[in-house]
Amino acid sequence: MLYPDLAVNEQGHLTIAGHDAVSLAEEYKTALFVMNVDKFRQNCRVYTDTMWECFGDDALPLYASKALCFTGIYRLVNECGMGTDIVSPGELYTASKAGFPLSKAYFHGNNKTDHDIEAAIDAHIGTFIVDNDEELDKIDEYASHRGIRQAVLLRITPGIDPHTHKAVITGNVDSKFGKAIETGQALAFTEKALKCRSVELKGFHCHIGSQIFDCQPFCDAADIMLGFIAKIKKQYGYETEVLNLGGGFGVRYVESHPHIDIAANIRDVASHIRARCEEFSLRMPKILMEPGRSIVADAVTTLYTVGSVKEITGFKNYVSIDGGMTDNPRYALYQSEYTVLNASRAADDCDYVCTIAGRCCESGDLIQENVRIAKPKRGDIIAVLTTGAYNYSMASNYNRIPRPAILLVGENGYKKLAVRHETFEDMCACDIDLR
């Protein structure tokens, strides 16, 4: 089994944190996201414990809200001692509604509107991750009107290709995010921020990619960022307080994906940064990271009910489910790999090759092709593993299909509905009666 929190019980059903998946599907209806809160907390602790050990008590992992956002998850994140990064006013509102301390929130985004900036400052956001000159000007203006100095980090593009592990001149320079070091624009951006009256420059942010399975790309990015920081110190006398290395550690969606020891990777990055700080005569900055996928992805399993099994003789088999691209668009968008199980027959041999098809009136509405599962029949429960990241958060109402519920489960029989099933009335709530 890919994950230790999954097992098979005496009935031959898949269990999630000890809960019978078939029973959960019957009680809470499908499609259903089932989140193991114990696994989620465990993933959070890997970051908090290791970062505090390696970088000191002021180090702060920030949960990347875009991976999965609902009010309850912010309460879990706060309990685990993490901060959060948010990328929209909707995520800001959700965090605030959850009672999350916004002093530990970092506001990203390449196109924050005037209203976004004003609302965030009025909500006492901790730090803006500033993407461009126009945003910097507006933050300075609004902060000045309110008689405060607003903390910011500047988003910098280091020029790293995380998949070849090389620093390249053009890598990530052509990006809608941030200012490139290579072009000299990052330096000019920093000079401008230092001259702002109502902006307090705390440091710099970079993000090099996702699904990274070793530490070398982070070390490469740290080399470039610390070299840039040393240059800023020499030229302007400003020494960086904060360095945010972004997110990107990968997760295993299928058995063929490599194992990753995140704690060991963080320790290696820490050793590398210490050595470079000494080399550049820099004090160790406060280190931030932004895990999202690696926190929540493997904590969630999606359950569906089989509606039909269509066998096209000589071609392929289709297993249709009561969800699809509306709750998981990642296969349609990226051909993302997933592990699929027949939760109703989890003890049986996985010898039936099929394509898992969604219910939308769309030929591309597929969850996975050519997977091997125990042969299903109508009413069986299909489980798709590792669906916590960019599934519910990218869900839509295409074909006017309501979004699924999110159920939290844990040890000792813990079950709690965190997000209810969307209703048809919910989907019509914004419609205006034109009669």
Protein backbone atom coordinates (compact mmCIF):
# COMPACT_ATOMS: atom_id res chain seq x y z
CA MET A 1 0.00 0.00 0.00
CA LEU A 2 1.30 3.44 -0.95
CA TYR A 3 0.40 5.07 2.37
CA PRO A 4 0.49 3.62 5.90
CA ASP A 5 -2.81 5.24 6.95
CA LEU A 6 -4.63 3.09 4.39
CA ALA A 7 -5.45 -0.55 5.03
CA VAL A 8 -7.96 -3.29 4.19
CA ASN A 9 -10.47 -4.52 6.78
CA GLU A 10 -12.21 -7.87 7.26
CA GLN A 11 -14.94 -6.90 4.81
CA GLY A 12 -12.31 -6.34 2.14
CA HIS A 13 -12.96 -2.61 2.17
CA LEU A 14 -10.34 0.13 2.06
CA THR A 15 -9.93 1.96 5.37
CA ILE A 16 -8.66 5.50 5.88
CA ALA A 17 -7.21 6.19 9.32
CA GLY A 18 -9.18 3.16 10.51
CA HIS A 19 -12.49 4.28 8.95
CA ASP A 20 -14.25 2.04 6.44
CA ALA A 21 -14.25 4.02 3.17
CA VAL A 22 -17.41 2.32 1.91
CA SER A 23 -19.26 3.21 5.12
CA LEU A 24 -18.03 6.81 4.89
CA ALA A 25 -19.33 7.02 1.33
CA GLU A 26 -22.73 5.65 2.40
CA GLU A 27 -23.00 8.03 5.36
CA TYR A 28 -21.71 11.23 3.77
CA LYS A 29 -22.45 10.56 0.08
CA THR A 30 -20.07 10.92 -2.83
CA ALA A 31 -18.15 12.57 -4.35
CA LEU A 32 -16.36 13.10 -1.03
CA PHE A 33 -12.96 14.40 0.01
CA VAL A 34 -11.74 12.52 3.09
CA MET A 35 -8.90 14.24 4.94
CA ASN A 36 -6.81 12.43 7.56
CA VAL A 37 -6.13 15.21 10.08
CA ASP A 38 -3.49 13.13 11.87
CA LYS A 39 -1.54 12.80 8.62
CA PHE A 40 -1.95 16.52 7.96
CA ARG A 41 -0.59 17.41 11.40
CA GLN A 42 2.27 14.95 10.97
CA ASN A 43 3.24 16.62 7.68
CA CYS A 44 3.11 20.05 9.34
CA ARG A 45 5.39 18.84 12.14
CA VAL A 46 8.03 17.69 9.68
CA TYR A 47 8.43 21.31 8.58
CA THR A 48 8.02 23.06 11.93
CA ASP A 49 10.25 20.73 13.93
CA THR A 50 12.98 20.49 11.29
CA MET A 51 13.06 24.19 10.45
CA TRP A 52 13.20 25.18 14.12
CA GLU A 53 15.98 22.65 14.66
CA CYS A 54 17.99 23.87 11.66
CA PHE A 55 17.29 27.59 11.48
CA GLY A 56 16.20 28.55 14.99
CA ASP A 57 12.91 29.42 16.65
CA ASP A 58 12.21 32.37 14.36
CA ALA A 59 12.10 30.18 11.22
CA LEU A 60 8.57 29.89 9.89
CA PRO A 61 6.99 27.42 7.47
CA LEU A 62 4.02 29.02 5.70
CA TYR A 63 1.17 26.80 4.58
CA ALA A 64 0.46 27.58 0.90
CA SER A 65 -3.28 28.19 1.00
CA LYS A 66 -3.80 27.78 -2.73
CA ALA A 67 -3.25 24.02 -2.35
CA LEU A 68 -6.42 23.63 -0.25
CA CYS A 69 -8.36 26.43 1.41
CA PHE A 70 -11.30 26.30 3.81
CA THR A 71 -11.79 27.85 7.26
CA GLY A 72 -11.03 24.67 9.19
CA ILE A 73 -7.63 24.16 7.59
CA TYR A 74 -6.41 27.53 8.89
CA ARG A 75 -7.28 26.45 12.42
CA LEU A 76 -5.25 23.27 11.96
CA VAL A 77 -2.33 25.22 10.50
CA ASN A 78 -2.36 27.67 13.40
CA GLU A 79 -2.48 24.83 15.94
CA CYS A 80 0.65 23.41 14.31
CA GLY A 81 2.56 26.68 14.75
CA MET A 82 2.74 27.57 11.06
CA GLY A 83 2.11 30.79 9.20
CA THR A 84 0.35 30.94 5.86
CA ASP A 85 0.79 32.40 2.44
CA ILE A 86 -2.30 33.66 0.69
CA VAL A 87 -2.71 34.59 -2.96
CA SER A 88 -6.09 36.32 -3.13
CA PRO A 89 -8.56 38.44 -1.14
CA GLY A 90 -10.77 35.35 -0.91
CA GLU A 91 -8.02 33.43 0.89
CA LEU A 92 -7.43 36.49 3.08
CA TYR A 93 -11.13 36.59 3.97
CA THR A 94 -11.20 32.85 4.71
CA ALA A 95 -8.14 33.06 6.96
CA SER A 96 -9.61 36.05 8.79
CA LYS A 97 -12.98 34.32 9.19
CA ALA A 98 -11.17 31.33 10.69
CA GLY A 99 -9.52 33.57 13.28
CA PHE A 100 -6.05 32.98 11.87
CA PRO A 101 -3.54 35.58 13.18
CA LEU A 102 -2.92 37.66 10.06
CA SER A 103 0.39 38.86 11.47
CA LYS A 104 1.62 35.43 10.30
CA ALA A 105 0.07 35.78 6.83
CA TYR A 106 2.06 36.65 3.70
CA PHE A 107 0.11 38.06 0.76
CA HIS A 108 1.27 36.90 -2.69
CA GLY A 109 0.01 37.65 -6.17
CA ASN A 110 1.19 39.31 -9.36
CA ASN A 111 -1.85 41.57 -9.76
CA LYS A 112 -3.19 42.78 -6.43
CA THR A 113 -5.90 45.33 -7.07
CA ASP A 114 -6.14 48.63 -5.20
CA HIS A 115 -9.00 47.11 -3.21
CA ASP A 116 -6.93 44.00 -2.39
CA ILE A 117 -4.07 46.10 -1.06
CA GLU A 118 -6.28 48.42 0.94
CA ALA A 119 -8.31 45.56 2.42
CA ALA A 120 -5.17 43.65 3.41
CA ILE A 121 -3.61 46.68 5.10
CA ASP A 122 -6.87 47.41 6.94
CA ALA A 123 -6.92 43.75 8.08
CA HIS A 124 -3.38 44.21 9.47
CA ILE A 125 -1.75 41.73 7.10
CA GLY A 126 1.70 40.77 8.33
CA THR A 127 3.68 41.00 5.10
CA PHE A 128 3.15 41.62 1.41
CA ILE A 129 5.18 39.66 -1.14
CA VAL A 130 5.56 42.49 -3.64
CA ASP A 131 5.65 41.48 -7.29
CA ASN A 132 6.01 44.73 -9.25
CA ASP A 133 6.59 48.49 -9.15
CA GLU A 134 2.92 49.45 -9.37
CA GLU A 135 2.07 47.30 -6.37
CA LEU A 136 4.96 48.74 -4.38
CA ASP A 137 3.75 52.28 -5.15
CA LYS A 138 0.21 51.50 -3.98
CA ILE A 139 1.32 49.81 -0.78
CA ASP A 140 3.51 52.80 0.00
CA GLU A 141 0.59 55.15 -0.71
CA TYR A 142 -2.01 53.30 1.35
CA ALA A 143 0.37 52.68 4.24
CA SER A 144 1.23 56.39 4.26
CA HIS A 145 -2.48 57.31 4.46
CA ARG A 146 -2.81 55.10 7.53
CA GLY A 147 0.36 56.33 9.19
CA ILE A 148 2.07 52.93 9.27
CA ARG A 149 5.13 51.25 7.78
CA GLN A 150 4.09 48.10 5.98
CA ALA A 151 6.43 45.09 6.00
CA VAL A 152 7.20 43.65 2.57
CA LEU A 153 9.34 41.05 0.86
CA LEU A 154 10.26 41.52 -2.79
CA ARG A 155 9.67 38.62 -5.17
CA ILE A 156 12.90 37.92 -7.01
CA THR A 157 13.51 35.55 -9.93
CA PRO A 158 16.82 33.72 -9.42
CA GLY A 159 16.90 31.96 -12.80
CA ILE A 160 16.78 28.31 -11.73
CA ASP A 161 15.62 25.30 -13.71
CA PRO A 162 14.66 22.89 -10.89
CA HIS A 163 14.42 19.91 -13.21
CA THR A 164 17.96 20.17 -14.59
CA HIS A 165 19.35 21.50 -11.29
CA LYS A 166 21.24 24.23 -13.12
CA ALA A 167 21.33 27.98 -12.78
CA VAL A 168 20.60 29.25 -16.27
CA ILE A 169 20.50 32.76 -17.67
CA THR A 170 17.01 32.48 -19.09
CA GLY A 171 15.48 29.98 -16.67
CA ASN A 172 12.42 31.54 -15.04
CA VAL A 173 13.41 35.00 -16.26
CA ASP A 174 10.50 34.90 -18.69
CA SER A 175 7.88 34.73 -15.95
CA LYS A 176 4.85 36.74 -14.96
CA PHE A 177 6.14 36.71 -11.36
CA GLY A 178 8.71 38.96 -9.77
CA LYS A 179 11.84 40.74 -10.94
CA ALA A 180 14.80 38.95 -12.50
CA ILE A 181 18.30 39.23 -11.04
CA GLU A 182 19.87 38.55 -14.44
CA THR A 183 18.32 41.61 -16.11
CA GLY A 184 19.27 44.03 -13.33
CA GLN A 185 15.60 44.72 -12.58
CA ALA A 186 15.76 43.06 -9.15
CA LEU A 187 18.49 45.48 -8.10
CA ALA A 188 16.50 48.51 -9.26
CA PHE A 189 13.39 47.12 -7.53
CA THR A 190 15.30 46.82 -4.27
CA GLU A 191 16.65 50.37 -4.54
CA LYS A 192 13.14 51.67 -5.08
CA ALA A 193 11.78 49.77 -2.06
CA LEU A 194 14.55 51.11 0.18
CA LYS A 195 13.54 54.65 -0.77
CA CYS A 196 9.86 54.18 0.08
CA ARG A 197 8.74 56.13 3.15
CA SER A 198 5.97 53.83 4.32
CA VAL A 199 7.34 50.47 3.24
CA GLU A 200 9.70 48.46 5.43
CA LEU A 201 11.76 46.10 3.32
CA LYS A 202 12.27 42.90 5.32
CA GLY A 203 13.89 40.79 2.64
CA PHE A 204 13.32 38.69 -0.45
CA HIS A 205 11.25 35.84 -1.77
CA CYS A 206 11.88 33.32 -4.53
CA HIS A 207 10.04 30.29 -5.85
CA ILE A 208 11.64 27.90 -8.30
CA GLY A 209 8.99 25.27 -9.07
CA SER A 210 7.15 22.25 -7.75
CA GLN A 211 7.39 18.47 -7.47
CA ILE A 212 11.09 18.74 -6.54
CA PHE A 213 12.43 15.53 -5.00
CA ASP A 214 15.86 16.61 -3.75
CA CYS A 215 17.52 19.61 -2.16
CA GLN A 216 19.92 20.66 -4.93
CA PRO A 217 17.59 23.14 -6.69
CA PHE A 218 16.97 24.87 -3.34
CA CYS A 219 20.72 25.03 -2.72
CA ASP A 220 21.23 26.49 -6.21
CA ALA A 221 18.55 29.10 -5.52
CA ALA A 222 20.08 29.92 -2.12
CA ASP A 223 23.48 30.47 -3.77
CA ILE A 224 22.03 33.02 -6.19
CA MET A 225 19.79 34.72 -3.63
CA LEU A 226 22.56 35.03 -1.02
CA GLY A 227 24.92 36.38 -3.66
CA PHE A 228 22.27 38.97 -4.52
CA ILE A 229 21.77 39.76 -0.82
CA ALA A 230 25.54 40.24 -0.40
CA LYS A 231 25.53 42.61 -3.37
CA ILE A 232 22.67 44.62 -1.85
CA LYS A 233 24.55 44.83 1.45
CA LYS A 234 27.71 46.09 -0.25
CA GLN A 235 25.93 48.58 -2.49
CA TYR A 236 23.27 49.96 -0.15
CA GLY A 237 24.38 48.95 3.35
CA TYR A 238 21.13 47.01 3.80
CA GLU A 239 21.37 43.52 5.25
CA THR A 240 18.41 41.23 4.65
CA GLU A 241 16.38 40.10 7.65
CA VAL A 242 14.23 37.49 5.86
CA LEU A 243 14.80 35.02 3.02
CA ASN A 244 11.77 33.09 1.79
CA LEU A 245 12.81 30.06 -0.29
CA GLY A 246 9.27 29.27 -1.44
CA GLY A 247 7.80 25.80 -1.71
CA GLY A 248 8.12 22.93 -4.10
CA PHE A 249 9.02 19.63 -2.39
CA GLY A 250 7.25 16.81 -4.19
CA VAL A 251 4.84 14.07 -3.17
CA ARG A 252 4.38 10.51 -4.40
CA TYR A 253 1.23 10.18 -6.46
CA VAL A 254 2.11 6.69 -7.72
CA GLU A 255 4.50 3.93 -6.68
CA SER A 256 7.02 4.83 -9.38
CA HIS A 257 7.58 8.31 -7.94
CA PRO A 258 10.72 8.56 -5.78
CA HIS A 259 10.63 8.61 -2.01
CA ILE A 260 11.58 11.93 -0.45
CA ASP A 261 12.89 12.65 3.04
CA ILE A 262 11.81 16.25 3.49
CA ALA A 263 13.46 16.62 6.91
CA ALA A 264 16.80 15.42 5.53
CA ASN A 265 16.49 17.78 2.58
CA ILE A 266 15.78 20.74 4.85
CA ARG A 267 18.82 19.86 6.96
CA ASP A 268 21.00 19.76 3.84
CA VAL A 269 19.67 23.12 2.66
CA ALA A 270 20.33 24.60 6.12
CA SER A 271 23.94 23.41 6.11
CA HIS A 272 24.41 24.86 2.65
CA ILE A 273 22.94 28.24 3.64
CA ARG A 274 25.11 28.46 6.76
CA ALA A 275 28.24 27.84 4.69
CA ARG A 276 27.24 30.44 2.09
CA CYS A 277 26.35 33.03 4.72
CA GLU A 278 29.81 32.59 6.22
CA GLU A 279 31.39 32.83 2.79
CA PHE A 280 29.52 36.05 1.97
CA SER A 281 30.00 37.49 5.50
CA LEU A 282 26.24 37.60 6.03
CA ARG A 283 24.27 36.94 9.17
CA MET A 284 21.81 34.07 8.83
CA PRO A 285 18.47 35.58 7.77
CA LYS A 286 15.14 34.37 9.11
CA ILE A 287 14.25 31.50 6.79
CA LEU A 288 10.72 30.95 5.49
CA MET A 289 9.43 28.13 3.30
CA GLU A 290 6.00 27.67 1.71
CA PRO A 291 4.93 24.02 1.70
CA GLY A 292 1.49 23.35 0.27
CA ARG A 293 1.29 20.17 -1.78
CA SER A 294 3.72 18.32 0.53
CA ILE A 295 1.55 19.21 3.54
CA VAL A 296 -1.91 18.34 2.30
CA ALA A 297 -1.74 16.18 -0.85
CA ASP A 298 -1.30 12.74 0.71
CA ALA A 299 -3.62 13.58 3.61
CA VAL A 300 -6.70 13.44 1.36
CA THR A 301 -8.45 10.64 -0.54
CA THR A 302 -11.42 11.26 -2.84
CA LEU A 303 -14.27 8.74 -2.85
CA TYR A 304 -16.63 8.26 -5.80
CA THR A 305 -19.49 5.90 -6.60
CA VAL A 306 -19.40 3.84 -9.79
CA GLY A 307 -22.35 4.45 -12.11
CA SER A 308 -21.46 2.25 -15.05
CA VAL A 309 -18.82 -0.07 -16.48
CA LYS A 310 -18.59 0.18 -20.26
CA GLU A 311 -16.51 -2.39 -22.12
CA ILE A 312 -15.71 -1.57 -25.76
CA THR A 313 -14.65 -4.89 -27.23
CA GLY A 314 -11.14 -4.75 -28.62
CA PHE A 315 -10.54 -1.20 -27.39
CA LYS A 316 -10.87 -0.15 -23.76
CA ASN A 317 -13.00 -0.21 -20.64
CA TYR A 318 -14.58 2.86 -19.05
CA VAL A 319 -15.59 3.08 -15.38
CA SER A 320 -17.84 6.11 -14.89
CA ILE A 321 -17.98 7.85 -11.51
CA ASP A 322 -20.12 10.57 -9.91
CA GLY A 323 -17.35 13.18 -10.00
CA GLY A 324 -14.55 14.06 -12.35
CA MET A 325 -12.94 17.20 -13.73
CA THR A 326 -15.30 19.34 -11.63
CA ASP A 327 -13.55 18.19 -8.45
CA ASN A 328 -10.22 17.11 -9.96
CA PRO A 329 -9.27 18.90 -13.19
CA ARG A 330 -5.58 17.99 -12.94
CA TYR A 331 -5.65 15.04 -15.34
CA ALA A 332 -7.53 17.04 -17.94
CA LEU A 333 -5.09 19.93 -17.50
CA TYR A 334 -1.76 18.21 -16.93
CA GLN A 335 -2.28 14.44 -17.41
CA SER A 336 -1.39 14.13 -13.72
CA GLU A 337 -0.82 10.63 -12.40
CA TYR A 338 -2.90 9.17 -9.55
CA THR A 339 -3.24 5.89 -7.72
CA VAL A 340 -6.78 4.50 -8.02
CA LEU A 341 -8.32 1.69 -5.94
CA ASN A 342 -11.65 -0.07 -5.81
CA ALA A 343 -12.39 0.63 -2.14
CA SER A 344 -15.26 -1.87 -2.13
CA ARG A 345 -12.99 -4.72 -3.26
CA ALA A 346 -9.63 -3.61 -1.88
CA ALA A 347 -8.58 -7.19 -1.07
CA ASP A 348 -9.17 -8.45 -4.63
CA ASP A 349 -6.57 -8.63 -7.39
CA CYS A 350 -6.12 -5.44 -9.39
CA ASP A 351 -6.39 -7.12 -12.79
CA TYR A 352 -9.01 -4.99 -14.56
CA VAL A 353 -7.52 -2.35 -16.88
CA CYS A 354 -9.77 0.65 -17.33
CA THR A 355 -10.13 4.39 -17.74
CA ILE A 356 -11.82 6.28 -14.90
CA ALA A 357 -14.27 8.68 -16.53
CA GLY A 358 -16.08 11.61 -14.96
CA ARG A 359 -19.73 12.49 -15.31
CA CYS A 360 -19.36 15.73 -17.28
CA CYS A 361 -20.57 16.07 -20.84
CA GLU A 362 -16.97 16.43 -21.98
CA SER A 363 -14.83 13.77 -23.68
CA GLY A 364 -11.74 15.00 -21.81
CA ASP A 365 -13.37 14.49 -18.42
CA LEU A 366 -11.11 11.71 -17.20
CA ILE A 367 -9.43 11.03 -13.87
CA GLN A 368 -6.93 8.42 -15.05
CA GLU A 369 -6.39 6.14 -18.04
CA ASN A 370 -5.24 2.52 -18.23
CA VAL A 371 -5.21 1.89 -14.50
CA ARG A 372 -5.44 -1.54 -12.89
CA ILE A 373 -8.12 -2.01 -10.23
CA ALA A 374 -10.29 -4.82 -8.92
CA LYS A 375 -13.15 -5.15 -11.43
CA PRO A 376 -15.97 -2.86 -10.27
CA LYS A 377 -19.72 -2.88 -10.65
CA ARG A 378 -22.38 -0.19 -10.25
CA GLY A 379 -22.45 1.06 -6.66
CA ASP A 380 -18.82 0.22 -5.85
CA ILE A 381 -16.72 2.95 -4.25
CA ILE A 382 -13.65 4.15 -6.12
CA ALA A 383 -10.85 5.80 -4.13
CA VAL A 384 -8.38 8.19 -5.76
CA LEU A 385 -5.37 8.79 -3.49
CA THR A 386 -3.30 11.92 -2.86
CA THR A 387 -6.00 14.40 -3.84
CA GLY A 388 -5.50 17.06 -1.19
CA ALA A 389 -3.60 19.57 -3.31
CA TYR A 390 -5.17 21.50 -6.20
CA ASN A 391 -8.28 19.36 -6.36
CA TYR A 392 -10.99 20.97 -4.22
CA SER A 393 -9.20 24.31 -4.59
CA MET A 394 -9.53 24.07 -8.40
CA ALA A 395 -13.04 22.62 -8.34
CA SER A 396 -15.75 24.16 -10.49
CA ASN A 397 -19.47 23.96 -11.19
CA TYR A 398 -19.01 22.96 -14.81
CA ASN A 399 -22.21 21.30 -16.07
CA ARG A 400 -23.81 22.85 -12.97
CA ILE A 401 -22.43 20.07 -10.78
CA PRO A 402 -22.18 20.94 -7.05
CA ARG A 403 -18.79 20.73 -5.36
CA PRO A 404 -18.16 17.86 -2.91
CA ALA A 405 -17.95 17.90 0.87
CA ILE A 406 -14.74 17.66 2.88
CA LEU A 407 -14.80 15.20 5.77
CA LEU A 408 -12.10 15.18 8.43
CA VAL A 409 -11.21 11.80 9.95
CA GLY A 410 -8.64 10.64 12.46
CA GLU A 411 -7.75 8.05 15.01
CA ASN A 412 -10.13 6.78 17.70
CA GLY A 413 -13.16 7.19 15.46
CA TYR A 414 -12.80 10.95 14.91
CA LYS A 415 -15.11 12.23 12.15
CA LYS A 416 -16.15 15.82 11.46
CA LEU A 417 -17.63 17.48 8.40
CA ALA A 418 -15.50 20.53 7.58
CA VAL A 419 -17.20 21.59 4.33
CA ARG A 420 -20.73 20.45 3.48
CA HIS A 421 -21.82 19.34 0.04
CA GLU A 422 -22.74 22.27 -2.16
CA THR A 423 -26.43 22.37 -3.10
CA PHE A 424 -28.22 23.43 -6.25
CA GLU A 425 -29.53 26.40 -4.31
CA ASP A 426 -25.96 27.40 -3.44
CA MET A 427 -25.12 27.47 -7.14
CA CYS A 428 -28.11 29.70 -7.89
CA ALA A 429 -27.53 32.03 -4.93
CA CYS A 430 -25.83 34.70 -7.05
CA ASP A 431 -28.34 34.49 -9.91
CA ILE A 432 -30.75 37.41 -10.26
CA ASP A 433 -34.38 36.72 -11.12
CA LEU A 434 -35.05 38.73 -14.29
CA ARG A 435 -38.80 38.21 -14.31
